[in-house]
Amino acid sequence: MNEREAREVADEAAEAVRALNHVLLAGGLDVTDVYDTLTALAVLAARLPQTAGQAAALVDRLVAGGHVVIVDGEHTGNPETAAAQARLRLAAAARAATALARHLDEAAQGLAWATHHEPR
């Protein structure tokens, strides 16, 4: 996979979340659909720390190989500090994603024994 494909995959994931927001807003789902959706979102969130770690490692390799130049901004001329800042922020994002995954899973588990009921 090249950088264009990686960006396209990330864009597709963002678009999928947007589409999911519209499906949930429209309603028409029952509680088991909500449970399944929350469970799938928990799995998605649980995978994000690996993505963040791999992005950090890739930036480090690119900087170490001399493939990054910072031409403006806070880290002008210093790709090492830019990479260090990215690493810190990606580590924080990974921790947040882990917490998100846990909360989504807990929300789903609260509905694990729920079933649809038609009111009389």
Protein backbone atom coordinates (compact mmCIF):
# COMPACT_ATOMS: atom_id res chain seq x y z
CA MET A 1 0.00 0.00 0.00
CA ASN A 2 1.33 3.42 -0.86
CA GLU A 3 0.73 6.77 0.82
CA ARG A 4 -2.17 7.58 -1.52
CA GLU A 5 -3.89 4.31 -0.67
CA ALA A 6 -3.33 4.88 3.06
CA ARG A 7 -4.94 8.32 2.82
CA GLU A 8 -7.86 6.88 0.82
CA VAL A 9 -8.44 4.16 3.43
CA ALA A 10 -8.44 6.79 6.19
CA ASP A 11 -10.84 8.96 4.17
CA GLU A 12 -13.15 5.97 3.64
CA ALA A 13 -13.15 5.28 7.39
CA ALA A 14 -14.09 8.90 8.10
CA GLU A 15 -16.85 8.72 5.50
CA ALA A 16 -18.15 5.48 7.01
CA VAL A 17 -18.50 7.20 10.40
CA ARG A 18 -20.35 10.09 8.75
CA ALA A 19 -22.71 7.63 7.07
CA LEU A 20 -23.24 5.80 10.36
CA ASN A 21 -24.17 9.10 12.02
CA HIS A 22 -26.90 9.55 9.41
CA VAL A 23 -28.19 6.00 9.88
CA LEU A 24 -28.40 6.45 13.64
CA LEU A 25 -30.06 9.85 13.27
CA ALA A 26 -32.70 8.40 10.96
CA GLY A 27 -33.66 5.79 13.55
CA GLY A 28 -35.58 2.72 12.49
CA LEU A 29 -33.16 0.44 14.33
CA ASP A 30 -33.96 -1.80 17.25
CA VAL A 31 -31.91 -2.24 20.39
CA THR A 32 -30.04 -5.26 19.02
CA ASP A 33 -28.90 -3.11 16.08
CA VAL A 34 -27.65 -0.51 18.54
CA TYR A 35 -25.82 -3.21 20.52
CA ASP A 36 -24.18 -4.56 17.34
CA THR A 37 -23.22 -1.05 16.25
CA LEU A 38 -21.65 -0.19 19.60
CA THR A 39 -19.76 -3.47 19.62
CA ALA A 40 -18.36 -2.80 16.14
CA LEU A 41 -17.39 0.75 17.14
CA ALA A 42 -15.60 -0.59 20.22
CA VAL A 43 -13.55 -2.89 17.98
CA LEU A 44 -12.76 0.02 15.65
CA ALA A 45 -11.64 2.21 18.56
CA ALA A 46 -9.55 -0.63 20.01
CA ARG A 47 -7.59 -0.80 16.76
CA LEU A 48 -6.74 2.91 16.70
CA PRO A 49 -3.85 2.73 19.21
CA GLN A 50 -2.00 0.39 16.85
CA THR A 51 -2.63 2.84 13.99
CA ALA A 52 -1.29 5.72 16.09
CA GLY A 53 1.79 3.73 17.06
CA GLN A 54 2.50 2.74 13.49
CA ALA A 55 2.11 6.35 12.34
CA ALA A 56 4.58 7.49 15.02
CA ALA A 57 7.08 4.80 14.02
CA LEU A 58 6.77 5.75 10.36
CA VAL A 59 7.38 9.44 11.09
CA ASP A 60 10.45 8.48 13.13
CA ARG A 61 11.81 6.36 10.25
CA LEU A 62 11.18 9.15 7.74
CA VAL A 63 12.92 11.73 9.93
CA ALA A 64 15.85 9.39 10.66
CA GLY A 65 16.25 8.77 6.94
CA GLY A 66 16.42 12.50 6.22
CA HIS A 67 13.12 12.50 4.31
CA VAL A 68 11.44 15.27 6.35
CA VAL A 69 12.11 19.00 6.20
CA ILE A 70 10.08 21.45 8.28
CA VAL A 71 9.85 24.64 6.22
CA ASP A 72 7.74 26.83 8.51
CA GLY A 73 6.00 26.97 11.84
CA GLU A 74 6.99 26.11 15.38
CA HIS A 75 9.54 23.44 14.38
CA THR A 76 11.12 25.17 11.35
CA GLY A 77 14.33 23.42 10.43
CA ASN A 78 13.98 20.82 13.18
CA PRO A 79 12.16 17.70 12.06
CA GLU A 80 13.34 15.82 15.16
CA THR A 81 11.34 18.08 17.49
CA ALA A 82 8.35 17.93 15.15
CA ALA A 83 8.52 14.12 15.26
CA ALA A 84 8.86 14.15 19.04
CA GLN A 85 5.77 16.37 19.30
CA ALA A 86 3.86 14.09 16.94
CA ARG A 87 4.91 11.06 19.02
CA LEU A 88 3.60 12.69 22.20
CA ARG A 89 0.27 13.60 20.60
CA LEU A 90 -0.11 10.17 18.99
CA ALA A 91 0.55 8.49 22.34
CA ALA A 92 -2.16 10.67 23.88
CA ALA A 93 -4.51 9.79 21.03
CA ALA A 94 -3.80 6.10 21.58
CA ARG A 95 -4.67 6.41 25.27
CA ALA A 96 -7.87 8.28 24.40
CA ALA A 97 -8.82 5.63 21.82
CA THR A 98 -8.26 2.89 24.42
CA ALA A 99 -10.58 4.71 26.80
CA LEU A 100 -13.12 5.23 24.00
CA ALA A 101 -13.04 1.52 23.17
CA ARG A 102 -13.60 0.63 26.82
CA HIS A 103 -16.55 3.03 27.15
CA LEU A 104 -18.15 1.84 23.91
CA ASP A 105 -17.78 -1.77 25.04
CA GLU A 106 -19.29 -0.96 28.44
CA ALA A 107 -22.21 0.79 26.72
CA ALA A 108 -22.76 -2.24 24.51
CA GLN A 109 -22.54 -4.65 27.43
CA GLY A 110 -25.28 -2.70 29.17
CA LEU A 111 -27.52 -3.70 26.26
CA ALA A 112 -26.25 -7.28 25.92
CA TRP A 113 -29.47 -8.85 27.22
CA ALA A 114 -31.82 -6.32 25.65
CA THR A 115 -34.30 -7.34 22.99
CA HIS A 116 -36.90 -5.60 20.91
CA HIS A 117 -40.39 -5.30 22.37
CA GLU A 118 -43.52 -3.97 20.66
CA PRO A 119 -45.59 -1.96 23.14
CA ARG A 120 -49.23 -2.93 23.31
